[in-house]
Amino acid sequence: MFCIPQRLGQMDICKGVVSLATAAGAIYLLYKAIRAGIKCQPPLCSASPICVARLAIEREQRGRDSGELRRLLNSLECKQDEYAKSMILHSITRCVYLLESEASTCTNDDITLVGSMLDDKDNSVKIQALNTLKAFSGIRKFRLKIQEHSIKVLELISTIWDSELHIAGLRLLNNLPLPDFAHPQLRRVMPALMEILQSDYILAQVQAAQLLSNLAQKNDLLYDILNCQVHSNFLNLFQSAQPGCLLHEVLVFAERLSEGRSSPHYRAVKWHYNEQSVHEALFGDDSRLADRLLALVIHPEEDIQIQACKVIVSLQCPQDVGVRPSCPPSHSCFNHAE
């Protein structure tokens, strides 16, 4: 007679054997996967920029030239597609920053080669070339050679509306002393620089404000900046809701403009401005800049407070310097705000 309990016991034993077999199989498969992973590890140096830079640093630490930067520059001379050129330039940029001694052995011909990439039809290649030139501009001996490309850089940022390209181009220009021969081109691109300043891309706006602040200190460019046309909401740049980094830069810009227009050299000429110019927006009779500045005096960030106060001081009429009582009250920008 068939015994049910005995049969059930046999079934439990079978289940246990199957479970053990399944677990053993899983462990074996896991072991094979780990072993395969160890065997198939990527090589120490692949084509990625990180691997290139890591190997180059390790070789330099051992006291010898890695040769990686030279290899990359040589490969850039070969015919490459846009993606390859972009990646090579990105790797060169990393090597220049990380291996300055090796980068210092490069030549002006190398700078010319990188600069030729600014004529590439692909924007990503242009951007990477700008970043590479910015890296090389940290080495003093290359600055004059890189300055030769400043006209081309200004052309790019004024004719191509691409925030990444604007940032890369402006960062390069801000890292160079702009030569006098670039001033005519700067006058032509001033409207484009002002448009970037009023765009919605914070990093590009910050870089544009820094460049304009530097240019505002050039006597022959000051009027071109002050007479440049801006949008009716230009003073929104001075709202406390703006990011602190941007607020600080536009306040420095305003201070430089205020100081420039108050200089004896500038005041010696009677200038005329467009109704929607920077001058009218900041210093015109109907300007509300004073209200914005007074609001920024209580800004949460201390450097914003300090810079706002600097602008307020600079806005006092030139006659105030040394002989404050002689300045008629009607000349003060703060009459209606007070």
C-alpha atoms as a PDB file:
ATOM      1  CA  MET A   1       0.000   0.000   0.000  1.00  0.00           C
ATOM      2  CA  PHE A   2       1.349   3.417  -1.027  1.00  0.00           C
ATOM      3  CA  CYS A   3       2.421   5.571   1.967  1.00  0.00           C
ATOM      4  CA  ILE A   4       1.577   9.224   1.467  1.00  0.00           C
ATOM      5  CA  PRO A   5       3.863  10.605   4.228  1.00  0.00           C
ATOM      6  CA  GLN A   6       6.793   8.647   2.859  1.00  0.00           C
ATOM      7  CA  ARG A   7       6.116   9.996  -0.629  1.00  0.00           C
ATOM      8  CA  LEU A   8       5.965  13.553   0.668  1.00  0.00           C
ATOM      9  CA  GLY A   9       9.299  13.112   2.399  1.00  0.00           C
ATOM     10  CA  GLN A  10      10.884  11.957  -0.830  1.00  0.00           C
ATOM     11  CA  MET A  11       9.488  15.035  -2.583  1.00  0.00           C
ATOM     12  CA  ASP A  12      11.038  17.328   0.076  1.00  0.00           C
ATOM     13  CA  ILE A  13      14.404  15.651  -0.420  1.00  0.00           C
ATOM     14  CA  CYS A  14      14.158  16.134  -4.188  1.00  0.00           C
ATOM     15  CA  LYS A  15      13.298  19.800  -3.731  1.00  0.00           C
ATOM     16  CA  GLY A  16      16.323  20.259  -1.479  1.00  0.00           C
ATOM     17  CA  VAL A  17      18.611  18.644  -4.027  1.00  0.00           C
ATOM     18  CA  VAL A  18      17.238  20.879  -6.792  1.00  0.00           C
ATOM     19  CA  SER A  19      17.696  24.004  -4.618  1.00  0.00           C
ATOM     20  CA  LEU A  20      21.302  23.076  -3.860  1.00  0.00           C
ATOM     21  CA  ALA A  21      21.965  22.464  -7.543  1.00  0.00           C
ATOM     22  CA  THR A  22      20.422  25.781  -8.464  1.00  0.00           C
ATOM     23  CA  ALA A  23      22.504  27.662  -5.876  1.00  0.00           C
ATOM     24  CA  ALA A  24      25.671  25.916  -6.993  1.00  0.00           C
ATOM     25  CA  GLY A  25      24.916  26.799 -10.590  1.00  0.00           C
ATOM     26  CA  ALA A  26      24.337  30.443  -9.701  1.00  0.00           C
ATOM     27  CA  ILE A  27      27.621  30.593  -7.775  1.00  0.00           C
ATOM     28  CA  TYR A  28      29.469  29.041 -10.706  1.00  0.00           C
ATOM     29  CA  LEU A  29      27.953  31.524 -13.169  1.00  0.00           C
ATOM     30  CA  LEU A  30      28.847  34.414 -10.853  1.00  0.00           C
ATOM     31  CA  TYR A  31      32.421  33.119 -10.641  1.00  0.00           C
ATOM     32  CA  LYS A  32      32.660  32.966 -14.438  1.00  0.00           C
ATOM     33  CA  ALA A  33      31.291  36.492 -14.785  1.00  0.00           C
ATOM     34  CA  ILE A  34      33.804  37.906 -12.286  1.00  0.00           C
ATOM     35  CA  ARG A  35      36.668  36.025 -13.909  1.00  0.00           C
ATOM     36  CA  ALA A  36      35.651  37.240 -17.354  1.00  0.00           C
ATOM     37  CA  GLY A  37      35.390  40.788 -16.060  1.00  0.00           C
ATOM     38  CA  ILE A  38      38.916  40.639 -14.665  1.00  0.00           C
ATOM     39  CA  LYS A  39      40.297  39.256 -17.910  1.00  0.00           C
ATOM     40  CA  CYS A  40      38.435  41.833 -20.015  1.00  0.00           C
ATOM     41  CA  GLN A  41      39.437  44.989 -18.128  1.00  0.00           C
ATOM     42  CA  PRO A  42      40.041  47.932 -20.481  1.00  0.00           C
ATOM     43  CA  PRO A  43      43.671  48.834 -21.149  1.00  0.00           C
ATOM     44  CA  LEU A  44      45.300  51.407 -18.922  1.00  0.00           C
ATOM     45  CA  CYS A  45      45.191  53.997 -21.653  1.00  0.00           C
ATOM     46  CA  SER A  46      42.355  54.125 -24.136  1.00  0.00           C
ATOM     47  CA  ALA A  47      41.491  57.000 -26.452  1.00  0.00           C
ATOM     48  CA  SER A  48      39.473  58.757 -23.758  1.00  0.00           C
ATOM     49  CA  PRO A  49      40.824  62.131 -22.537  1.00  0.00           C
ATOM     50  CA  ILE A  50      40.882  60.920 -18.926  1.00  0.00           C
ATOM     51  CA  CYS A  51      43.066  57.914 -19.768  1.00  0.00           C
ATOM     52  CA  VAL A  52      45.352  60.033 -21.915  1.00  0.00           C
ATOM     53  CA  ALA A  53      45.841  62.568 -19.128  1.00  0.00           C
ATOM     54  CA  ARG A  54      46.329  59.862 -16.470  1.00  0.00           C
ATOM     55  CA  LEU A  55      49.059  58.107 -18.414  1.00  0.00           C
ATOM     56  CA  ALA A  56      50.779  61.381 -19.240  1.00  0.00           C
ATOM     57  CA  ILE A  57      50.827  62.430 -15.574  1.00  0.00           C
ATOM     58  CA  GLU A  58      52.207  59.067 -14.484  1.00  0.00           C
ATOM     59  CA  ARG A  59      55.022  59.330 -17.013  1.00  0.00           C
ATOM     60  CA  GLU A  60      55.858  62.897 -16.034  1.00  0.00           C
ATOM     61  CA  GLN A  61      55.963  61.885 -12.384  1.00  0.00           C
ATOM     62  CA  ARG A  62      58.592  59.324 -13.344  1.00  0.00           C
ATOM     63  CA  GLY A  63      60.676  62.192 -14.709  1.00  0.00           C
ATOM     64  CA  ARG A  64      60.260  61.745 -18.435  1.00  0.00           C
ATOM     65  CA  ASP A  65      58.269  63.375 -21.212  1.00  0.00           C
ATOM     66  CA  SER A  66      55.110  61.394 -21.862  1.00  0.00           C
ATOM     67  CA  GLY A  67      55.103  62.344 -25.542  1.00  0.00           C
ATOM     68  CA  GLU A  68      51.318  62.246 -25.417  1.00  0.00           C
ATOM     69  CA  LEU A  69      50.814  65.935 -26.170  1.00  0.00           C
ATOM     70  CA  ARG A  70      53.080  65.752 -29.211  1.00  0.00           C
ATOM     71  CA  ARG A  71      51.289  62.621 -30.438  1.00  0.00           C
ATOM     72  CA  LEU A  72      47.934  64.364 -30.130  1.00  0.00           C
ATOM     73  CA  LEU A  73      49.134  67.450 -31.998  1.00  0.00           C
ATOM     74  CA  ASN A  74      50.560  65.273 -34.750  1.00  0.00           C
ATOM     75  CA  SER A  75      47.284  63.381 -35.049  1.00  0.00           C
ATOM     76  CA  LEU A  76      45.438  66.687 -35.356  1.00  0.00           C
ATOM     77  CA  GLU A  77      47.357  67.359 -38.564  1.00  0.00           C
ATOM     78  CA  CYS A  78      45.969  64.194 -40.120  1.00  0.00           C
ATOM     79  CA  LYS A  79      42.612  64.099 -41.872  1.00  0.00           C
ATOM     80  CA  GLN A  80      40.002  63.455 -39.175  1.00  0.00           C
ATOM     81  CA  ASP A  81      36.235  63.655 -38.942  1.00  0.00           C
ATOM     82  CA  GLU A  82      34.599  66.323 -36.794  1.00  0.00           C
ATOM     83  CA  TYR A  83      34.066  64.054 -33.789  1.00  0.00           C
ATOM     84  CA  ALA A  84      37.685  62.865 -33.814  1.00  0.00           C
ATOM     85  CA  LYS A  85      39.013  66.424 -34.094  1.00  0.00           C
ATOM     86  CA  SER A  86      36.809  67.517 -31.224  1.00  0.00           C
ATOM     87  CA  MET A  87      38.031  64.666 -28.996  1.00  0.00           C
ATOM     88  CA  ILE A  88      41.680  65.260 -29.908  1.00  0.00           C
ATOM     89  CA  LEU A  89      41.384  68.965 -29.055  1.00  0.00           C
ATOM     90  CA  HIS A  90      39.689  68.080 -25.777  1.00  0.00           C
ATOM     91  CA  SER A  91      42.581  65.752 -24.920  1.00  0.00           C
ATOM     92  CA  ILE A  92      45.143  68.419 -25.866  1.00  0.00           C
ATOM     93  CA  THR A  93      43.412  70.899 -23.560  1.00  0.00           C
ATOM     94  CA  ARG A  94      43.637  68.463 -20.638  1.00  0.00           C
ATOM     95  CA  CYS A  95      47.293  67.759 -21.313  1.00  0.00           C
ATOM     96  CA  VAL A  96      48.162  71.476 -21.485  1.00  0.00           C
ATOM     97  CA  TYR A  97      46.539  72.140 -18.111  1.00  0.00           C
ATOM     98  CA  LEU A  98      47.994  69.057 -16.429  1.00  0.00           C
ATOM     99  CA  LEU A  99      51.437  68.970 -18.049  1.00  0.00           C
ATOM    100  CA  GLU A 100      52.577  72.575 -18.238  1.00  0.00           C
ATOM    101  CA  SER A 101      56.270  71.722 -18.572  1.00  0.00           C
ATOM    102  CA  GLU A 102      55.518  69.497 -21.545  1.00  0.00           C
ATOM    103  CA  ALA A 103      53.141  72.089 -23.013  1.00  0.00           C
ATOM    104  CA  SER A 104      55.876  74.717 -22.747  1.00  0.00           C
ATOM    105  CA  THR A 105      57.948  72.778 -25.270  1.00  0.00           C
ATOM    106  CA  CYS A 106      55.289  73.310 -27.931  1.00  0.00           C
ATOM    107  CA  THR A 107      55.860  75.870 -30.674  1.00  0.00           C
ATOM    108  CA  ASN A 108      54.013  78.715 -32.338  1.00  0.00           C
ATOM    109  CA  ASP A 109      53.320  76.346 -35.206  1.00  0.00           C
ATOM    110  CA  ASP A 110      51.287  74.244 -32.788  1.00  0.00           C
ATOM    111  CA  ILE A 111      49.267  77.323 -31.828  1.00  0.00           C
ATOM    112  CA  THR A 112      48.698  78.055 -35.518  1.00  0.00           C
ATOM    113  CA  LEU A 113      47.506  74.483 -36.029  1.00  0.00           C
ATOM    114  CA  VAL A 114      45.003  74.740 -33.173  1.00  0.00           C
ATOM    115  CA  GLY A 115      43.906  78.176 -34.377  1.00  0.00           C
ATOM    116  CA  SER A 116      43.177  76.771 -37.836  1.00  0.00           C
ATOM    117  CA  MET A 117      40.464  74.643 -36.232  1.00  0.00           C
ATOM    118  CA  LEU A 118      38.459  77.849 -35.685  1.00  0.00           C
ATOM    119  CA  ASP A 119      37.638  77.683 -39.397  1.00  0.00           C
ATOM    120  CA  ASP A 120      36.104  74.225 -39.098  1.00  0.00           C
ATOM    121  CA  LYS A 121      32.485  73.987 -40.217  1.00  0.00           C
ATOM    122  CA  ASP A 122      31.466  72.164 -37.017  1.00  0.00           C
ATOM    123  CA  ASN A 123      30.697  74.323 -33.965  1.00  0.00           C
ATOM    124  CA  SER A 124      31.848  71.661 -31.498  1.00  0.00           C
ATOM    125  CA  VAL A 125      35.314  71.708 -33.100  1.00  0.00           C
ATOM    126  CA  LYS A 126      35.389  75.512 -32.881  1.00  0.00           C
ATOM    127  CA  ILE A 127      34.446  75.365 -29.192  1.00  0.00           C
ATOM    128  CA  GLN A 128      37.129  72.795 -28.384  1.00  0.00           C
ATOM    129  CA  ALA A 129      39.712  74.839 -30.308  1.00  0.00           C
ATOM    130  CA  LEU A 130      38.779  77.920 -28.261  1.00  0.00           C
ATOM    131  CA  ASN A 131      39.189  75.912 -25.058  1.00  0.00           C
ATOM    132  CA  THR A 132      42.593  74.658 -26.215  1.00  0.00           C
ATOM    133  CA  LEU A 133      43.768  78.183 -27.040  1.00  0.00           C
ATOM    134  CA  LYS A 134      42.546  79.291 -23.614  1.00  0.00           C
ATOM    135  CA  ALA A 135      44.665  76.535 -22.039  1.00  0.00           C
ATOM    136  CA  PHE A 136      47.753  77.588 -24.023  1.00  0.00           C
ATOM    137  CA  SER A 137      47.159  81.259 -23.138  1.00  0.00           C
ATOM    138  CA  GLY A 138      48.202  80.429 -19.590  1.00  0.00           C
ATOM    139  CA  ILE A 139      51.754  80.024 -20.919  1.00  0.00           C
ATOM    140  CA  ARG A 140      53.239  83.486 -21.381  1.00  0.00           C
ATOM    141  CA  LYS A 141      55.316  82.798 -24.488  1.00  0.00           C
ATOM    142  CA  PHE A 142      52.208  81.881 -26.513  1.00  0.00           C
ATOM    143  CA  ARG A 143      50.090  84.917 -25.703  1.00  0.00           C
ATOM    144  CA  LEU A 144      51.254  87.114 -28.576  1.00  0.00           C
ATOM    145  CA  LYS A 145      50.665  84.309 -31.050  1.00  0.00           C
ATOM    146  CA  ILE A 146      47.205  83.615 -29.657  1.00  0.00           C
ATOM    147  CA  GLN A 147      46.373  87.330 -29.860  1.00  0.00           C
ATOM    148  CA  GLU A 148      46.619  86.999 -33.638  1.00  0.00           C
ATOM    149  CA  HIS A 149      43.406  84.964 -33.498  1.00  0.00           C
ATOM    150  CA  SER A 150      41.466  87.575 -31.508  1.00  0.00           C
ATOM    151  CA  ILE A 151      39.820  89.032 -34.647  1.00  0.00           C
ATOM    152  CA  LYS A 152      38.587  85.576 -35.636  1.00  0.00           C
ATOM    153  CA  VAL A 153      37.299  84.896 -32.120  1.00  0.00           C
ATOM    154  CA  LEU A 154      35.367  88.170 -32.114  1.00  0.00           C
ATOM    155  CA  GLU A 155      33.905  87.276 -35.486  1.00  0.00           C
ATOM    156  CA  LEU A 156      32.739  83.898 -34.210  1.00  0.00           C
ATOM    157  CA  ILE A 157      31.020  85.167 -31.073  1.00  0.00           C
ATOM    158  CA  SER A 158      29.280  87.942 -33.036  1.00  0.00           C
ATOM    159  CA  THR A 159      28.002  85.803 -35.917  1.00  0.00           C
ATOM    160  CA  ILE A 160      27.151  82.453 -34.264  1.00  0.00           C
ATOM    161  CA  TRP A 161      24.426  82.398 -31.609  1.00  0.00           C
ATOM    162  CA  ASP A 162      25.628  79.485 -29.498  1.00  0.00           C
ATOM    163  CA  SER A 163      25.955  79.914 -25.736  1.00  0.00           C
ATOM    164  CA  GLU A 164      28.754  77.347 -25.388  1.00  0.00           C
ATOM    165  CA  LEU A 165      30.743  79.040 -28.135  1.00  0.00           C
ATOM    166  CA  HIS A 166      30.123  82.435 -26.529  1.00  0.00           C
ATOM    167  CA  ILE A 167      31.403  81.184 -23.187  1.00  0.00           C
ATOM    168  CA  ALA A 168      34.512  79.574 -24.691  1.00  0.00           C
ATOM    169  CA  GLY A 169      35.315  82.586 -26.871  1.00  0.00           C
ATOM    170  CA  LEU A 170      34.776  85.169 -24.149  1.00  0.00           C
ATOM    171  CA  ARG A 171      36.802  83.176 -21.619  1.00  0.00           C
ATOM    172  CA  LEU A 172      39.691  83.205 -24.065  1.00  0.00           C
ATOM    173  CA  LEU A 173      39.394  86.947 -24.727  1.00  0.00           C
ATOM    174  CA  ASN A 174      39.182  87.682 -20.999  1.00  0.00           C
ATOM    175  CA  ASN A 175      42.429  85.790 -20.478  1.00  0.00           C
ATOM    176  CA  LEU A 176      44.322  87.899 -23.048  1.00  0.00           C
ATOM    177  CA  PRO A 177      45.368  91.541 -23.253  1.00  0.00           C
ATOM    178  CA  LEU A 178      43.513  92.576 -26.395  1.00  0.00           C
ATOM    179  CA  PRO A 179      45.812  94.323 -28.885  1.00  0.00           C
ATOM    180  CA  ASP A 180      45.051  97.763 -30.283  1.00  0.00           C
ATOM    181  CA  PHE A 181      44.592  96.362 -33.779  1.00  0.00           C
ATOM    182  CA  ALA A 182      41.493  94.550 -32.497  1.00  0.00           C
ATOM    183  CA  HIS A 183      39.741  97.781 -31.471  1.00  0.00           C
ATOM    184  CA  PRO A 184      38.027  98.414 -34.844  1.00  0.00           C
ATOM    185  CA  GLN A 185      36.610  94.894 -34.744  1.00  0.00           C
ATOM    186  CA  LEU A 186      35.545  95.418 -31.133  1.00  0.00           C
ATOM    187  CA  ARG A 187      33.535  98.463 -32.188  1.00  0.00           C
ATOM    188  CA  ARG A 188      31.767  96.392 -34.829  1.00  0.00           C
ATOM    189  CA  VAL A 189      30.888  93.563 -32.440  1.00  0.00           C
ATOM    190  CA  MET A 190      29.828  95.796 -29.535  1.00  0.00           C
ATOM    191  CA  PRO A 191      26.082  95.272 -30.239  1.00  0.00           C
ATOM    192  CA  ALA A 192      26.624  91.497 -30.194  1.00  0.00           C
ATOM    193  CA  LEU A 193      28.488  91.690 -26.876  1.00  0.00           C
ATOM    194  CA  MET A 194      25.634  93.728 -25.427  1.00  0.00           C
ATOM    195  CA  GLU A 195      23.118  91.158 -26.685  1.00  0.00           C
ATOM    196  CA  ILE A 196      25.052  88.377 -24.961  1.00  0.00           C
ATOM    197  CA  LEU A 197      25.071  90.430 -21.760  1.00  0.00           C
ATOM    198  CA  GLN A 198      21.266  90.660 -21.957  1.00  0.00           C
ATOM    199  CA  SER A 199      20.738  86.986 -22.851  1.00  0.00           C
ATOM    200  CA  ASP A 200      19.477  84.284 -20.500  1.00  0.00           C
ATOM    201  CA  TYR A 201      22.736  82.317 -20.252  1.00  0.00           C
ATOM    202  CA  ILE A 202      24.337  83.248 -16.941  1.00  0.00           C
ATOM    203  CA  LEU A 203      27.863  82.004 -17.684  1.00  0.00           C
ATOM    204  CA  ALA A 204      27.939  83.813 -21.025  1.00  0.00           C
ATOM    205  CA  GLN A 205      26.521  86.962 -19.417  1.00  0.00           C
ATOM    206  CA  VAL A 206      29.211  86.932 -16.727  1.00  0.00           C
ATOM    207  CA  GLN A 207      31.970  86.575 -19.310  1.00  0.00           C
ATOM    208  CA  ALA A 208      30.461  89.335 -21.475  1.00  0.00           C
ATOM    209  CA  ALA A 209      30.239  91.683 -18.475  1.00  0.00           C
ATOM    210  CA  GLN A 210      33.886  91.022 -17.613  1.00  0.00           C
ATOM    211  CA  LEU A 211      35.025  91.780 -21.154  1.00  0.00           C
ATOM    212  CA  LEU A 212      32.915  94.943 -21.374  1.00  0.00           C
ATOM    213  CA  SER A 213      34.298  96.111 -18.023  1.00  0.00           C
ATOM    214  CA  ASN A 214      37.823  95.747 -19.372  1.00  0.00           C
ATOM    215  CA  LEU A 215      36.952  97.535 -22.609  1.00  0.00           C
ATOM    216  CA  ALA A 216      35.293 100.382 -20.676  1.00  0.00           C
ATOM    217  CA  GLN A 217      38.778 101.327 -19.458  1.00  0.00           C
ATOM    218  CA  LYS A 218      39.927 101.984 -23.039  1.00  0.00           C
ATOM    219  CA  ASN A 219      39.435 105.677 -23.851  1.00  0.00           C
ATOM    220  CA  ASP A 220      38.832 105.042 -27.540  1.00  0.00           C
ATOM    221  CA  LEU A 221      36.120 102.441 -26.851  1.00  0.00           C
ATOM    222  CA  LEU A 222      34.237 104.073 -23.996  1.00  0.00           C
ATOM    223  CA  TYR A 223      31.844 106.098 -26.164  1.00  0.00           C
ATOM    224  CA  ASP A 224      31.082 103.060 -28.350  1.00  0.00           C
ATOM    225  CA  ILE A 225      30.002 101.174 -25.237  1.00  0.00           C
ATOM    226  CA  LEU A 226      27.985 104.028 -23.758  1.00  0.00           C
ATOM    227  CA  ASN A 227      26.189 104.694 -27.042  1.00  0.00           C
ATOM    228  CA  CYS A 228      25.441 101.022 -27.715  1.00  0.00           C
ATOM    229  CA  GLN A 229      21.717 100.298 -27.941  1.00  0.00           C
ATOM    230  CA  VAL A 230      20.144  98.103 -25.262  1.00  0.00           C
ATOM    231  CA  HIS A 231      16.710  96.694 -24.502  1.00  0.00           C
ATOM    232  CA  SER A 232      14.195  98.679 -22.507  1.00  0.00           C
ATOM    233  CA  ASN A 233      14.556  96.223 -19.600  1.00  0.00           C
ATOM    234  CA  PHE A 234      18.343  96.613 -19.397  1.00  0.00           C
ATOM    235  CA  LEU A 235      18.173  97.566 -15.720  1.00  0.00           C
ATOM    236  CA  ASN A 236      16.762  94.123 -14.916  1.00  0.00           C
ATOM    237  CA  LEU A 237      20.400  93.067 -14.830  1.00  0.00           C
ATOM    238  CA  PHE A 238      20.634  95.013 -11.570  1.00  0.00           C
ATOM    239  CA  GLN A 239      17.721  93.286  -9.839  1.00  0.00           C
ATOM    240  CA  SER A 240      18.520  91.572  -6.557  1.00  0.00           C
ATOM    241  CA  ALA A 241      16.994  88.358  -7.905  1.00  0.00           C
ATOM    242  CA  GLN A 242      19.900  87.952 -10.346  1.00  0.00           C
ATOM    243  CA  PRO A 243      22.643  85.428  -9.438  1.00  0.00           C
ATOM    244  CA  GLY A 244      25.332  86.999  -7.289  1.00  0.00           C
ATOM    245  CA  CYS A 245      28.114  86.271  -9.793  1.00  0.00           C
ATOM    246  CA  LEU A 246      26.269  88.198 -12.520  1.00  0.00           C
ATOM    247  CA  LEU A 247      25.194  91.026 -10.226  1.00  0.00           C
ATOM    248  CA  HIS A 248      28.764  91.637  -9.122  1.00  0.00           C
ATOM    249  CA  GLU A 249      30.055  91.790 -12.699  1.00  0.00           C
ATOM    250  CA  VAL A 250      27.376  94.200 -13.972  1.00  0.00           C
ATOM    251  CA  LEU A 251      27.998  96.430 -10.962  1.00  0.00           C
ATOM    252  CA  VAL A 252      31.711  96.497 -11.767  1.00  0.00           C
ATOM    253  CA  PHE A 253      30.756  97.315 -15.360  1.00  0.00           C
ATOM    254  CA  ALA A 254      28.565 100.206 -14.208  1.00  0.00           C
ATOM    255  CA  GLU A 255      31.329 101.522 -11.958  1.00  0.00           C
ATOM    256  CA  ARG A 256      33.884 101.441 -14.794  1.00  0.00           C
ATOM    257  CA  LEU A 257      31.483 103.289 -17.101  1.00  0.00           C
ATOM    258  CA  SER A 258      30.691 105.875 -14.444  1.00  0.00           C
ATOM    259  CA  GLU A 259      34.363 106.500 -13.740  1.00  0.00           C
ATOM    260  CA  GLY A 260      35.163 106.700 -17.447  1.00  0.00           C
ATOM    261  CA  ARG A 261      32.472 109.232 -18.295  1.00  0.00           C
ATOM    262  CA  SER A 262      33.560 111.375 -15.323  1.00  0.00           C
ATOM    263  CA  SER A 263      37.202 111.545 -16.409  1.00  0.00           C
ATOM    264  CA  PRO A 264      38.527 114.917 -17.668  1.00  0.00           C
ATOM    265  CA  HIS A 265      39.533 113.291 -20.965  1.00  0.00           C
ATOM    266  CA  TYR A 266      35.984 112.146 -21.668  1.00  0.00           C
ATOM    267  CA  ARG A 267      34.283 115.287 -20.361  1.00  0.00           C
ATOM    268  CA  ALA A 268      36.351 117.443 -22.708  1.00  0.00           C
ATOM    269  CA  VAL A 269      34.022 116.420 -25.558  1.00  0.00           C
ATOM    270  CA  LYS A 270      30.279 117.000 -25.787  1.00  0.00           C
ATOM    271  CA  TRP A 271      28.857 113.571 -26.617  1.00  0.00           C
ATOM    272  CA  HIS A 272      25.425 112.734 -27.983  1.00  0.00           C
ATOM    273  CA  TYR A 273      23.718 109.435 -27.212  1.00  0.00           C
ATOM    274  CA  ASN A 274      20.907 107.367 -28.669  1.00  0.00           C
ATOM    275  CA  GLU A 275      17.675 107.351 -26.666  1.00  0.00           C
ATOM    276  CA  GLN A 276      17.980 103.619 -25.954  1.00  0.00           C
ATOM    277  CA  SER A 277      21.704 103.646 -25.276  1.00  0.00           C
ATOM    278  CA  VAL A 278      23.599 102.237 -22.314  1.00  0.00           C
ATOM    279  CA  HIS A 279      24.286 105.808 -21.234  1.00  0.00           C
ATOM    280  CA  GLU A 280      20.604 106.723 -21.093  1.00  0.00           C
ATOM    281  CA  ALA A 281      19.680 103.471 -19.338  1.00  0.00           C
ATOM    282  CA  LEU A 282      22.295 103.983 -16.621  1.00  0.00           C
ATOM    283  CA  PHE A 283      22.909 107.722 -16.405  1.00  0.00           C
ATOM    284  CA  GLY A 284      20.038 109.419 -18.249  1.00  0.00           C
ATOM    285  CA  ASP A 285      17.523 111.743 -16.592  1.00  0.00           C
ATOM    286  CA  ASP A 286      14.862 109.024 -16.576  1.00  0.00           C
ATOM    287  CA  SER A 287      17.135 106.225 -15.370  1.00  0.00           C
ATOM    288  CA  ARG A 288      15.994 104.208 -12.362  1.00  0.00           C
ATOM    289  CA  LEU A 289      19.486 102.896 -11.634  1.00  0.00           C
ATOM    290  CA  ALA A 290      19.557 104.742  -8.310  1.00  0.00           C
ATOM    291  CA  ASP A 291      16.567 102.756  -7.054  1.00  0.00           C
ATOM    292  CA  ARG A 292      18.201  99.480  -8.033  1.00  0.00           C
ATOM    293  CA  LEU A 293      21.459 100.414  -6.333  1.00  0.00           C
ATOM    294  CA  LEU A 294      19.779 101.425  -3.095  1.00  0.00           C
ATOM    295  CA  ALA A 295      17.987  98.069  -3.034  1.00  0.00           C
ATOM    296  CA  LEU A 296      21.303  96.261  -3.518  1.00  0.00           C
ATOM    297  CA  VAL A 297      22.894  98.001  -0.536  1.00  0.00           C
ATOM    298  CA  ILE A 298      20.943  95.549   1.654  1.00  0.00           C
ATOM    299  CA  HIS A 299      21.662  92.524  -0.566  1.00  0.00           C
ATOM    300  CA  PRO A 300      22.403  89.301   1.404  1.00  0.00           C
ATOM    301  CA  GLU A 301      25.860  88.995  -0.185  1.00  0.00           C
ATOM    302  CA  GLU A 302      28.417  91.383   1.268  1.00  0.00           C
ATOM    303  CA  ASP A 303      30.454  91.774  -1.929  1.00  0.00           C
ATOM    304  CA  ILE A 304      27.290  92.893  -3.731  1.00  0.00           C
ATOM    305  CA  GLN A 305      26.629  95.488  -1.017  1.00  0.00           C
ATOM    306  CA  ILE A 306      30.190  96.802  -1.284  1.00  0.00           C
ATOM    307  CA  GLN A 307      30.137  96.978  -5.065  1.00  0.00           C
ATOM    308  CA  ALA A 308      26.764  98.723  -5.082  1.00  0.00           C
ATOM    309  CA  CYS A 309      28.184 101.340  -2.718  1.00  0.00           C
ATOM    310  CA  LYS A 310      31.167 101.810  -5.034  1.00  0.00           C
ATOM    311  CA  VAL A 311      28.842 102.537  -7.939  1.00  0.00           C
ATOM    312  CA  ILE A 312      26.862 105.001  -5.823  1.00  0.00           C
ATOM    313  CA  VAL A 313      30.050 106.867  -4.933  1.00  0.00           C
ATOM    314  CA  SER A 314      31.219 106.921  -8.560  1.00  0.00           C
ATOM    315  CA  LEU A 315      27.863 108.326  -9.685  1.00  0.00           C
ATOM    316  CA  GLN A 316      28.415 111.585  -7.824  1.00  0.00           C
ATOM    317  CA  CYS A 317      28.991 114.373 -10.337  1.00  0.00           C
ATOM    318  CA  PRO A 318      32.635 115.181 -11.176  1.00  0.00           C
ATOM    319  CA  GLN A 319      32.436 118.585  -9.473  1.00  0.00           C
ATOM    320  CA  ASP A 320      31.922 116.761  -6.197  1.00  0.00           C
ATOM    321  CA  VAL A 321      35.519 115.610  -6.171  1.00  0.00           C
ATOM    322  CA  GLY A 322      37.295 117.844  -3.680  1.00  0.00           C
ATOM    323  CA  VAL A 323      34.591 120.570  -3.694  1.00  0.00           C
ATOM    324  CA  ARG A 324      31.336 118.850  -2.852  1.00  0.00           C
ATOM    325  CA  PRO A 325      29.261 121.969  -1.933  1.00  0.00           C
ATOM    326  CA  SER A 326      29.764 123.419  -5.442  1.00  0.00           C
ATOM    327  CA  CYS A 327      27.799 120.599  -7.061  1.00  0.00           C
ATOM    328  CA  PRO A 328      24.217 121.717  -7.756  1.00  0.00           C
ATOM    329  CA  PRO A 329      21.670 119.296  -6.271  1.00  0.00           C
ATOM    330  CA  SER A 330      20.014 118.896  -9.668  1.00  0.00           C
ATOM    331  CA  HIS A 331      23.111 117.061 -10.929  1.00  0.00           C
ATOM    332  CA  SER A 332      22.820 114.195  -8.475  1.00  0.00           C
ATOM    333  CA  CYS A 333      21.537 110.909  -9.801  1.00  0.00           C
ATOM    334  CA  PHE A 334      19.969 110.174  -6.449  1.00  0.00           C
ATOM    335  CA  ASN A 335      17.661 113.162  -6.010  1.00  0.00           C
ATOM    336  CA  HIS A 336      14.446 111.365  -6.864  1.00  0.00           C
ATOM    337  CA  ALA A 337      15.541 108.183  -5.090  1.00  0.00           C
ATOM    338  CA  GLU A 338      16.291 110.024  -1.885  1.00  0.00           C
END
